[in-house]
Amino acid sequence: MLGRHDREIGELLRFAAGMVPPEVQSEDVLDHLDHEEWELVLDLLGEFDGHTWQTPRYWALLAEAALQMGVDEAWFQWRCVESIQGVLRVELVLGRDAEPLQARGERPTWDVTGKHQRLAALWIESKPVLGPGERATARLRPFVPPAWAHLIRGDVITLQGRSPGTATIIERVPPRP
């Protein structure tokens, strides 16, 4: 017999699964939902590709389910904001004299034009810490997105501060209209 809490988690995940377009949907998700494998369902729903159908509500449902399950909801909250203001992914390379850079929680300064410095939150995708001279794919969440609107794939921006480096834009999805 399911507890009330489990039913609510299941409902949140079913609502989110119902938002996935049929061409993207996986039978695995529905099967795991039926077997009440909540963490697996959460992982699967969080990994679907595509930016056009993933609404803020979709990501908010996943964030709430994660919170109710006692799982870190930060990734789903990050994606919720991206679904509103757009996606900016970079290939980041730290300088050899840089201090190690944490994968999450950093809000470094970036030179985005050669003369204008801007802040953006940073999420390094593949490792918990990026060391001096290392390379990783990262996501940026600009504090003032319109100031970054001119950037396109292939542009290079400079990371400033105690962990200097460079980042090449590899993906840019504009904000929702």
N, C-alpha and C. Protein backbone atom coordinates (compact mmCIF):
# COMPACT_ATOMS: atom_id res chain seq x y z
N MET A 1 0.83 -1.18 0.00
CA MET A 1 0.00 0.00 0.00
C MET A 1 0.89 1.25 0.00
N LEU A 2 0.55 2.16 -0.87
CA LEU A 2 1.34 3.39 -0.99
C LEU A 2 0.96 4.40 0.08
N GLY A 3 1.97 5.10 0.55
CA GLY A 3 1.71 6.20 1.46
C GLY A 3 1.26 7.42 0.67
N ARG A 4 0.68 8.38 1.36
CA ARG A 4 0.19 9.61 0.71
C ARG A 4 1.33 10.32 -0.02
N HIS A 5 2.48 10.35 0.62
CA HIS A 5 3.65 11.02 0.04
C HIS A 5 4.05 10.38 -1.29
N ASP A 6 4.10 9.04 -1.32
CA ASP A 6 4.46 8.33 -2.55
C ASP A 6 3.46 8.62 -3.67
N ARG A 7 2.19 8.66 -3.33
CA ARG A 7 1.16 8.96 -4.34
C ARG A 7 1.38 10.34 -4.95
N GLU A 8 1.71 11.29 -4.09
CA GLU A 8 1.92 12.66 -4.57
C GLU A 8 3.15 12.74 -5.47
N ILE A 9 4.21 12.05 -5.12
CA ILE A 9 5.40 12.02 -5.98
C ILE A 9 5.03 11.40 -7.32
N GLY A 10 4.30 10.29 -7.27
CA GLY A 10 3.85 9.65 -8.51
C GLY A 10 3.01 10.58 -9.37
N GLU A 11 2.12 11.35 -8.74
CA GLU A 11 1.29 12.29 -9.49
C GLU A 11 2.13 13.37 -10.16
N LEU A 12 3.09 13.93 -9.41
CA LEU A 12 3.98 14.94 -10.00
C LEU A 12 4.70 14.39 -11.23
N LEU A 13 5.24 13.18 -11.08
CA LEU A 13 5.99 12.58 -12.18
C LEU A 13 5.07 12.23 -13.35
N ARG A 14 3.85 11.80 -13.07
CA ARG A 14 2.90 11.51 -14.16
C ARG A 14 2.49 12.79 -14.90
N PHE A 15 2.29 13.88 -14.15
CA PHE A 15 1.99 15.16 -14.81
C PHE A 15 3.13 15.56 -15.75
N ALA A 16 4.37 15.45 -15.25
CA ALA A 16 5.53 15.80 -16.08
C ALA A 16 5.62 14.87 -17.28
N ALA A 17 5.44 13.56 -17.07
CA ALA A 17 5.52 12.60 -18.18
C ALA A 17 4.45 12.89 -19.23
N GLY A 18 3.30 13.37 -18.78
CA GLY A 18 2.22 13.71 -19.71
C GLY A 18 2.55 14.90 -20.60
N MET A 19 3.55 15.68 -20.23
CA MET A 19 3.95 16.85 -21.02
C MET A 19 4.97 16.50 -22.10
N VAL A 20 5.52 15.29 -22.04
CA VAL A 20 6.52 14.87 -23.02
C VAL A 20 5.82 14.53 -24.33
N PRO A 21 6.24 15.14 -25.45
CA PRO A 21 5.59 14.86 -26.74
C PRO A 21 5.71 13.38 -27.12
N PRO A 22 4.71 12.85 -27.83
CA PRO A 22 4.72 11.43 -28.20
C PRO A 22 5.97 11.01 -28.97
N GLU A 23 6.50 11.88 -29.82
CA GLU A 23 7.68 11.52 -30.61
C GLU A 23 8.95 11.41 -29.78
N VAL A 24 8.92 11.93 -28.55
CA VAL A 24 10.07 11.89 -27.66
C VAL A 24 9.85 10.85 -26.55
N GLN A 25 8.60 10.62 -26.21
CA GLN A 25 8.23 9.74 -25.09
C GLN A 25 8.86 8.36 -25.22
N SER A 26 9.14 7.77 -24.11
CA SER A 26 9.74 6.44 -24.05
C SER A 26 8.83 5.53 -23.23
N GLU A 27 8.63 4.33 -23.72
CA GLU A 27 7.84 3.35 -22.98
C GLU A 27 8.48 3.05 -21.63
N ASP A 28 9.80 3.20 -21.56
CA ASP A 28 10.51 2.95 -20.30
C ASP A 28 9.96 3.83 -19.18
N VAL A 29 9.69 5.10 -19.49
CA VAL A 29 9.20 6.01 -18.47
C VAL A 29 7.87 5.52 -17.92
N LEU A 30 6.96 5.16 -18.81
CA LEU A 30 5.65 4.71 -18.36
C LEU A 30 5.75 3.40 -17.58
N ASP A 31 6.62 2.52 -18.03
CA ASP A 31 6.81 1.25 -17.33
C ASP A 31 7.37 1.48 -15.93
N HIS A 32 8.35 2.35 -15.82
CA HIS A 32 8.93 2.64 -14.51
C HIS A 32 7.94 3.40 -13.61
N LEU A 33 7.09 4.22 -14.21
CA LEU A 33 6.03 4.87 -13.43
C LEU A 33 5.10 3.82 -12.84
N ASP A 34 4.70 2.85 -13.67
CA ASP A 34 3.80 1.80 -13.20
C ASP A 34 4.41 0.98 -12.06
N HIS A 35 5.74 0.86 -12.07
CA HIS A 35 6.44 0.10 -11.03
C HIS A 35 6.92 0.98 -9.87
N GLU A 36 6.51 2.24 -9.89
CA GLU A 36 6.81 3.19 -8.83
C GLU A 36 8.30 3.34 -8.56
N GLU A 37 9.07 3.36 -9.63
CA GLU A 37 10.52 3.55 -9.54
C GLU A 37 10.80 5.04 -9.76
N TRP A 38 10.49 5.81 -8.72
CA TRP A 38 10.47 7.28 -8.83
C TRP A 38 11.82 7.88 -9.23
N GLU A 39 12.90 7.44 -8.61
CA GLU A 39 14.20 8.04 -8.92
C GLU A 39 14.60 7.77 -10.36
N LEU A 40 14.31 6.58 -10.84
CA LEU A 40 14.63 6.25 -12.23
C LEU A 40 13.78 7.09 -13.19
N VAL A 41 12.50 7.25 -12.87
CA VAL A 41 11.62 8.09 -13.70
C VAL A 41 12.12 9.53 -13.72
N LEU A 42 12.49 10.04 -12.55
CA LEU A 42 13.00 11.41 -12.46
C LEU A 42 14.24 11.57 -13.34
N ASP A 43 15.15 10.60 -13.26
CA ASP A 43 16.37 10.66 -14.10
C ASP A 43 16.02 10.63 -15.58
N LEU A 44 15.13 9.74 -15.98
CA LEU A 44 14.75 9.64 -17.40
C LEU A 44 14.09 10.92 -17.89
N LEU A 45 13.17 11.47 -17.11
CA LEU A 45 12.49 12.70 -17.52
C LEU A 45 13.45 13.88 -17.59
N GLY A 46 14.47 13.87 -16.76
CA GLY A 46 15.44 14.95 -16.77
C GLY A 46 16.45 14.87 -17.89
N GLU A 47 16.49 13.74 -18.62
CA GLU A 47 17.48 13.55 -19.67
C GLU A 47 16.94 13.69 -21.09
N PHE A 48 15.64 13.91 -21.26
CA PHE A 48 15.09 14.04 -22.61
C PHE A 48 15.70 15.23 -23.33
N ASP A 49 16.00 15.04 -24.60
CA ASP A 49 16.52 16.12 -25.43
C ASP A 49 15.40 17.04 -25.89
N GLY A 50 15.80 18.21 -26.33
CA GLY A 50 14.84 19.16 -26.89
C GLY A 50 14.62 20.32 -25.94
N HIS A 51 14.57 21.50 -26.51
CA HIS A 51 14.37 22.68 -25.67
C HIS A 51 13.03 23.34 -25.93
N THR A 52 12.41 23.04 -27.05
CA THR A 52 11.20 23.77 -27.40
C THR A 52 9.98 23.31 -26.62
N TRP A 53 9.91 22.07 -26.22
CA TRP A 53 8.73 21.57 -25.51
C TRP A 53 8.90 21.59 -24.00
N GLN A 54 10.12 21.72 -23.52
CA GLN A 54 10.37 21.68 -22.08
C GLN A 54 10.05 23.05 -21.47
N THR A 55 8.88 23.14 -20.89
CA THR A 55 8.39 24.40 -20.34
C THR A 55 8.88 24.60 -18.91
N PRO A 56 8.76 25.81 -18.39
CA PRO A 56 9.10 26.02 -16.99
C PRO A 56 8.26 25.13 -16.06
N ARG A 57 7.02 24.91 -16.42
CA ARG A 57 6.16 24.04 -15.60
C ARG A 57 6.71 22.61 -15.55
N TYR A 58 7.17 22.10 -16.68
CA TYR A 58 7.75 20.76 -16.74
C TYR A 58 8.91 20.64 -15.74
N TRP A 59 9.84 21.60 -15.83
CA TRP A 59 11.01 21.55 -14.95
C TRP A 59 10.63 21.79 -13.50
N ALA A 60 9.63 22.64 -13.25
CA ALA A 60 9.18 22.89 -11.88
C ALA A 60 8.57 21.62 -11.27
N LEU A 61 7.83 20.85 -12.07
CA LEU A 61 7.28 19.59 -11.58
C LEU A 61 8.40 18.63 -11.19
N LEU A 62 9.44 18.55 -12.03
CA LEU A 62 10.56 17.67 -11.72
C LEU A 62 11.32 18.15 -10.48
N ALA A 63 11.49 19.47 -10.35
CA ALA A 63 12.17 20.02 -9.18
C ALA A 63 11.38 19.70 -7.91
N GLU A 64 10.07 19.85 -7.97
CA GLU A 64 9.25 19.55 -6.80
C GLU A 64 9.28 18.07 -6.46
N ALA A 65 9.24 17.21 -7.47
CA ALA A 65 9.32 15.76 -7.22
C ALA A 65 10.66 15.43 -6.56
N ALA A 66 11.74 16.02 -7.07
CA ALA A 66 13.06 15.77 -6.49
C ALA A 66 13.10 16.23 -5.03
N LEU A 67 12.56 17.38 -4.76
CA LEU A 67 12.52 17.92 -3.40
C LEU A 67 11.75 16.99 -2.48
N GLN A 68 10.59 16.52 -2.94
CA GLN A 68 9.77 15.61 -2.13
C GLN A 68 10.46 14.27 -1.89
N MET A 69 11.32 13.88 -2.83
CA MET A 69 12.04 12.61 -2.71
C MET A 69 13.33 12.75 -1.91
N GLY A 70 13.71 13.98 -1.58
CA GLY A 70 14.95 14.20 -0.86
C GLY A 70 16.17 14.12 -1.76
N VAL A 71 15.96 14.38 -3.05
CA VAL A 71 17.03 14.36 -4.05
C VAL A 71 17.37 15.81 -4.39
N ASP A 72 18.61 16.08 -4.75
CA ASP A 72 19.03 17.44 -5.12
C ASP A 72 18.21 17.93 -6.31
N GLU A 73 17.51 19.01 -6.13
CA GLU A 73 16.65 19.56 -7.19
C GLU A 73 17.32 20.67 -7.99
N ALA A 74 18.58 20.98 -7.71
CA ALA A 74 19.26 22.12 -8.34
C ALA A 74 19.29 22.03 -9.86
N TRP A 75 19.54 20.84 -10.41
CA TRP A 75 19.60 20.69 -11.87
C TRP A 75 18.26 21.04 -12.51
N PHE A 76 17.17 20.61 -11.90
CA PHE A 76 15.84 20.87 -12.46
C PHE A 76 15.48 22.35 -12.34
N GLN A 77 15.91 22.98 -11.26
CA GLN A 77 15.69 24.43 -11.12
C GLN A 77 16.51 25.19 -12.16
N TRP A 78 17.74 24.75 -12.38
CA TRP A 78 18.59 25.38 -13.40
C TRP A 78 17.90 25.29 -14.77
N ARG A 79 17.43 24.11 -15.12
CA ARG A 79 16.78 23.90 -16.41
C ARG A 79 15.47 24.69 -16.52
N CYS A 80 14.79 24.89 -15.41
CA CYS A 80 13.58 25.71 -15.40
C CYS A 80 13.91 27.13 -15.85
N VAL A 81 14.97 27.69 -15.29
CA VAL A 81 15.37 29.05 -15.68
C VAL A 81 15.83 29.06 -17.14
N GLU A 82 16.57 28.04 -17.56
CA GLU A 82 16.99 27.96 -18.97
C GLU A 82 15.80 27.91 -19.92
N SER A 83 14.72 27.25 -19.51
CA SER A 83 13.56 27.15 -20.38
C SER A 83 12.89 28.51 -20.57
N ILE A 84 13.20 29.45 -19.69
CA ILE A 84 12.65 30.80 -19.82
C ILE A 84 13.64 31.72 -20.54
N GLN A 85 14.90 31.72 -20.12
CA GLN A 85 15.84 32.71 -20.65
C GLN A 85 16.79 32.17 -21.71
N GLY A 86 16.69 30.89 -22.04
CA GLY A 86 17.52 30.32 -23.10
C GLY A 86 18.69 29.53 -22.55
N VAL A 87 19.37 28.83 -23.45
CA VAL A 87 20.48 27.97 -23.09
C VAL A 87 21.76 28.53 -23.68
N LEU A 88 22.80 28.55 -22.88
CA LEU A 88 24.11 28.99 -23.34
C LEU A 88 25.13 27.98 -22.83
N ARG A 89 25.64 27.15 -23.75
CA ARG A 89 26.64 26.13 -23.38
C ARG A 89 27.97 26.51 -24.01
N VAL A 90 29.03 26.23 -23.27
CA VAL A 90 30.38 26.60 -23.71
C VAL A 90 31.35 25.45 -23.47
N GLU A 91 32.45 25.49 -24.20
CA GLU A 91 33.60 24.63 -23.92
C GLU A 91 34.57 25.52 -23.16
N LEU A 92 34.75 25.23 -21.89
CA LEU A 92 35.53 26.08 -20.99
C LEU A 92 36.92 25.49 -20.78
N VAL A 93 37.94 26.32 -20.89
CA VAL A 93 39.32 25.91 -20.62
C VAL A 93 39.91 26.89 -19.61
N LEU A 94 40.32 26.35 -18.46
CA LEU A 94 40.96 27.20 -17.45
C LEU A 94 42.43 27.40 -17.78
N GLY A 95 42.94 28.56 -17.43
CA GLY A 95 44.36 28.83 -17.60
C GLY A 95 45.18 27.95 -16.67
N ARG A 96 46.44 27.76 -17.00
CA ARG A 96 47.31 26.89 -16.19
C ARG A 96 47.58 27.47 -14.80
N ASP A 97 47.42 28.78 -14.65
CA ASP A 97 47.65 29.42 -13.35
C ASP A 97 46.35 29.68 -12.59
N ALA A 98 45.26 29.14 -13.07
CA ALA A 98 43.95 29.36 -12.45
C ALA A 98 43.80 28.57 -11.17
N GLU A 99 42.98 29.08 -10.27
CA GLU A 99 42.57 28.32 -9.10
C GLU A 99 41.48 27.34 -9.53
N PRO A 100 41.35 26.20 -8.87
CA PRO A 100 40.27 25.27 -9.22
C PRO A 100 38.90 25.96 -9.14
N LEU A 101 38.01 25.54 -10.01
CA LEU A 101 36.69 26.16 -10.13
C LEU A 101 35.62 25.11 -9.82
N GLN A 102 34.77 25.41 -8.86
CA GLN A 102 33.69 24.49 -8.48
C GLN A 102 32.66 24.37 -9.62
N ALA A 103 32.08 23.20 -9.76
CA ALA A 103 31.13 22.94 -10.84
C ALA A 103 29.83 23.72 -10.67
N ARG A 104 29.46 24.00 -9.44
CA ARG A 104 28.21 24.71 -9.17
C ARG A 104 28.44 25.77 -8.11
N GLY A 105 27.60 26.78 -8.16
CA GLY A 105 27.65 27.81 -7.13
C GLY A 105 28.54 28.99 -7.46
N GLU A 106 29.30 28.89 -8.54
CA GLU A 106 30.18 30.00 -8.95
C GLU A 106 29.36 31.00 -9.78
N ARG A 107 29.69 32.27 -9.62
CA ARG A 107 29.07 33.34 -10.40
C ARG A 107 30.17 34.28 -10.88
N PRO A 108 31.02 33.77 -11.77
CA PRO A 108 32.18 34.55 -12.19
C PRO A 108 31.84 35.68 -13.17
N THR A 109 32.84 36.53 -13.35
CA THR A 109 32.76 37.64 -14.29
C THR A 109 33.33 37.19 -15.63
N TRP A 110 32.67 37.58 -16.70
CA TRP A 110 33.06 37.23 -18.06
C TRP A 110 33.21 38.48 -18.90
N ASP A 111 34.22 38.51 -19.76
CA ASP A 111 34.37 39.59 -20.74
C ASP A 111 33.68 39.08 -22.00
N VAL A 112 32.53 39.67 -22.33
CA VAL A 112 31.72 39.17 -23.44
C VAL A 112 31.85 40.01 -24.72
N THR A 113 32.59 41.13 -24.65
CA THR A 113 32.70 41.98 -25.84
C THR A 113 34.11 42.50 -26.08
N GLY A 114 35.02 42.25 -25.19
CA GLY A 114 36.34 42.84 -25.29
C GLY A 114 36.47 44.07 -24.44
N LYS A 115 35.35 44.56 -23.93
CA LYS A 115 35.42 45.72 -23.03
C LYS A 115 34.31 45.74 -21.97
N HIS A 116 33.33 44.87 -22.10
CA HIS A 116 32.24 44.84 -21.13
C HIS A 116 32.26 43.55 -20.33
N GLN A 117 32.26 43.68 -19.01
CA GLN A 117 32.25 42.53 -18.13
C GLN A 117 30.84 42.26 -17.65
N ARG A 118 30.49 40.99 -17.64
CA ARG A 118 29.15 40.57 -17.22
C ARG A 118 29.23 39.36 -16.30
N LEU A 119 28.26 39.23 -15.42
CA LEU A 119 28.18 38.08 -14.52
C LEU A 119 27.30 37.00 -15.11
N ALA A 120 27.67 35.75 -14.86
CA ALA A 120 26.84 34.61 -15.23
C ALA A 120 27.11 33.47 -14.27
N ALA A 121 26.05 32.83 -13.81
CA ALA A 121 26.21 31.63 -13.00
C ALA A 121 26.77 30.53 -13.88
N LEU A 122 27.49 29.61 -13.27
CA LEU A 122 28.21 28.57 -14.00
C LEU A 122 27.79 27.20 -13.52
N TRP A 123 27.60 26.27 -14.47
CA TRP A 123 27.31 24.87 -14.14
C TRP A 123 28.20 24.02 -15.04
N ILE A 124 29.24 23.43 -14.45
CA ILE A 124 30.13 22.55 -15.21
C ILE A 124 29.47 21.19 -15.27
N GLU A 125 29.30 20.66 -16.49
CA GLU A 125 28.48 19.48 -16.68
C GLU A 125 29.12 18.16 -16.25
N SER A 126 30.41 18.00 -16.40
CA SER A 126 30.98 16.66 -16.31
C SER A 126 31.85 16.36 -15.10
N LYS A 127 32.12 17.33 -14.27
CA LYS A 127 33.00 17.07 -13.12
C LYS A 127 32.68 18.04 -12.00
N PRO A 128 32.99 17.65 -10.76
CA PRO A 128 32.68 18.52 -9.62
C PRO A 128 33.61 19.72 -9.47
N VAL A 129 34.84 19.60 -9.98
CA VAL A 129 35.81 20.69 -9.91
C VAL A 129 36.62 20.69 -11.20
N LEU A 130 36.82 21.87 -11.76
CA LEU A 130 37.66 22.02 -12.95
C LEU A 130 38.99 22.59 -12.49
N GLY A 131 40.05 21.85 -12.76
CA GLY A 131 41.38 22.26 -12.31
C GLY A 131 42.11 23.10 -13.32
N PRO A 132 43.24 23.68 -12.93
CA PRO A 132 44.05 24.50 -13.83
C PRO A 132 44.42 23.73 -15.10
N GLY A 133 44.24 24.38 -16.25
CA GLY A 133 44.57 23.79 -17.53
C GLY A 133 43.56 22.77 -18.04
N GLU A 134 42.53 22.48 -17.26
CA GLU A 134 41.54 21.48 -17.68
C GLU A 134 40.44 22.10 -18.54
N ARG A 135 39.73 21.21 -19.23
CA ARG A 135 38.66 21.59 -20.16
C ARG A 135 37.39 20.85 -19.79
N ALA A 136 36.24 21.53 -19.95
CA ALA A 136 34.95 20.89 -19.69
C ALA A 136 33.84 21.65 -20.41
N THR A 137 32.75 20.96 -20.65
CA THR A 137 31.55 21.60 -21.16
C THR A 137 30.81 22.20 -19.98
N ALA A 138 30.33 23.42 -20.14
CA ALA A 138 29.65 24.10 -19.05
C ALA A 138 28.44 24.86 -19.58
N ARG A 139 27.56 25.19 -18.68
CA ARG A 139 26.39 26.02 -18.99
C ARG A 139 26.55 27.35 -18.25
N LEU A 140 26.14 28.42 -18.90
CA LEU A 140 26.17 29.74 -18.28
C LEU A 140 24.75 30.25 -18.17
N ARG A 141 24.46 30.92 -17.07
CA ARG A 141 23.16 31.56 -16.89
C ARG A 141 23.41 33.02 -16.60
N PRO A 142 23.39 33.84 -17.65
CA PRO A 142 23.68 35.28 -17.48
C PRO A 142 22.69 35.96 -16.54
N PHE A 143 23.19 36.89 -15.74
CA PHE A 143 22.32 37.66 -14.85
C PHE A 143 21.47 38.64 -15.65
N VAL A 144 22.03 39.17 -16.75
CA VAL A 144 21.29 40.07 -17.63
C VAL A 144 21.35 39.47 -19.04
N PRO A 145 20.45 38.54 -19.36
CA PRO A 145 20.51 37.81 -20.63
C PRO A 145 20.60 38.69 -21.89
N PRO A 146 19.89 39.83 -21.98
CA PRO A 146 20.01 40.63 -23.21
C PRO A 146 21.43 41.10 -23.51
N ALA A 147 22.27 41.24 -22.47
CA ALA A 147 23.65 41.69 -22.68
C ALA A 147 24.50 40.60 -23.33
N TRP A 148 23.98 39.39 -23.41
CA TRP A 148 24.69 38.26 -24.00
C TRP A 148 24.08 37.84 -25.33
N ALA A 149 23.03 38.53 -25.75
CA ALA A 149 22.25 38.13 -26.94
C ALA A 149 23.06 38.14 -28.23
N HIS A 150 24.12 38.91 -28.29
CA HIS A 150 24.92 39.02 -29.52
C HIS A 150 25.80 37.80 -29.76
N LEU A 151 26.00 36.97 -28.75
CA LEU A 151 26.91 35.83 -28.88
C LEU A 151 26.32 34.73 -29.75
N ILE A 152 27.18 34.13 -30.58
CA ILE A 152 26.77 33.03 -31.44
C ILE A 152 27.77 31.89 -31.30
N ARG A 153 27.40 30.77 -31.85
CA ARG A 153 28.27 29.58 -31.81
C ARG A 153 29.64 29.94 -32.40
N GLY A 154 30.69 29.56 -31.69
CA GLY A 154 32.06 29.84 -32.14
C GLY A 154 32.68 31.06 -31.50
N ASP A 155 31.87 31.97 -30.96
CA ASP A 155 32.42 33.13 -30.27
C ASP A 155 33.20 32.69 -29.04
N VAL A 156 34.24 33.45 -28.70
CA VAL A 156 35.07 33.16 -27.54
C VAL A 156 34.91 34.30 -26.54
N ILE A 157 34.64 33.93 -25.29
CA ILE A 157 34.55 34.91 -24.21
C ILE A 157 35.61 34.56 -23.17
N THR A 158 35.94 35.52 -22.32
CA THR A 158 37.03 35.35 -21.36
C THR A 158 36.49 35.30 -19.94
N LEU A 159 36.89 34.27 -19.22
CA LEU A 159 36.58 34.13 -17.80
C LEU A 159 37.63 34.93 -17.03
N GLN A 160 37.17 35.77 -16.13
CA GLN A 160 38.09 36.63 -15.40
C GLN A 160 38.10 36.28 -13.92
N GLY A 161 39.00 36.88 -13.18
CA GLY A 161 39.07 36.66 -11.74
C GLY A 161 40.15 35.67 -11.36
N ARG A 162 39.94 34.98 -10.25
CA ARG A 162 40.95 34.07 -9.70
C ARG A 162 41.13 32.80 -10.51
N SER A 163 40.18 32.52 -11.41
CA SER A 163 40.25 31.32 -12.25
C SER A 163 40.11 31.71 -13.71
N PRO A 164 41.10 32.43 -14.26
CA PRO A 164 40.97 32.90 -15.63
C PRO A 164 40.96 31.75 -16.63
N GLY A 165 40.28 32.01 -17.74
CA GLY A 165 40.22 31.02 -18.80
C GLY A 165 39.45 31.57 -19.98
N THR A 166 39.18 30.69 -20.93
CA THR A 166 38.40 31.08 -22.11
C THR A 166 37.27 30.08 -22.31
N ALA A 167 36.21 30.55 -22.94
CA ALA A 167 35.07 29.68 -23.23
C ALA A 167 34.61 29.95 -24.65
N THR A 168 34.44 28.87 -25.40
CA THR A 168 33.93 28.96 -26.77
C THR A 168 32.46 28.55 -26.74
N ILE A 169 31.62 29.38 -27.33
CA ILE A 169 30.19 29.08 -27.38
C ILE A 169 29.97 27.87 -28.28
N ILE A 170 29.34 26.81 -27.73
CA ILE A 170 29.05 25.62 -28.54
C ILE A 170 27.56 25.44 -28.80
N GLU A 171 26.72 26.07 -28.00
CA GLU A 171 25.28 25.99 -28.21
C GLU A 171 24.61 27.22 -27.62
N ARG A 172 23.69 27.75 -28.38
CA ARG A 172 22.90 28.89 -27.91
C ARG A 172 21.47 28.70 -28.36
N VAL A 173 20.56 28.60 -27.41
CA VAL A 173 19.15 28.50 -27.71
C VAL A 173 18.53 29.79 -27.16
N PRO A 174 17.91 30.57 -28.03
CA PRO A 174 17.37 31.86 -27.56
C PRO A 174 16.23 31.68 -26.54
N PRO A 175 15.95 32.74 -25.79
CA PRO A 175 14.87 32.67 -24.80
C PRO A 175 13.53 32.46 -25.49
N ARG A 176 12.60 31.96 -24.72
CA ARG A 176 11.23 31.79 -25.24
C ARG A 176 10.64 33.16 -25.53
N PRO A 177 9.82 33.23 -26.57
CA PRO A 177 9.16 34.51 -26.88
C PRO A 177 8.17 34.92 -25.81
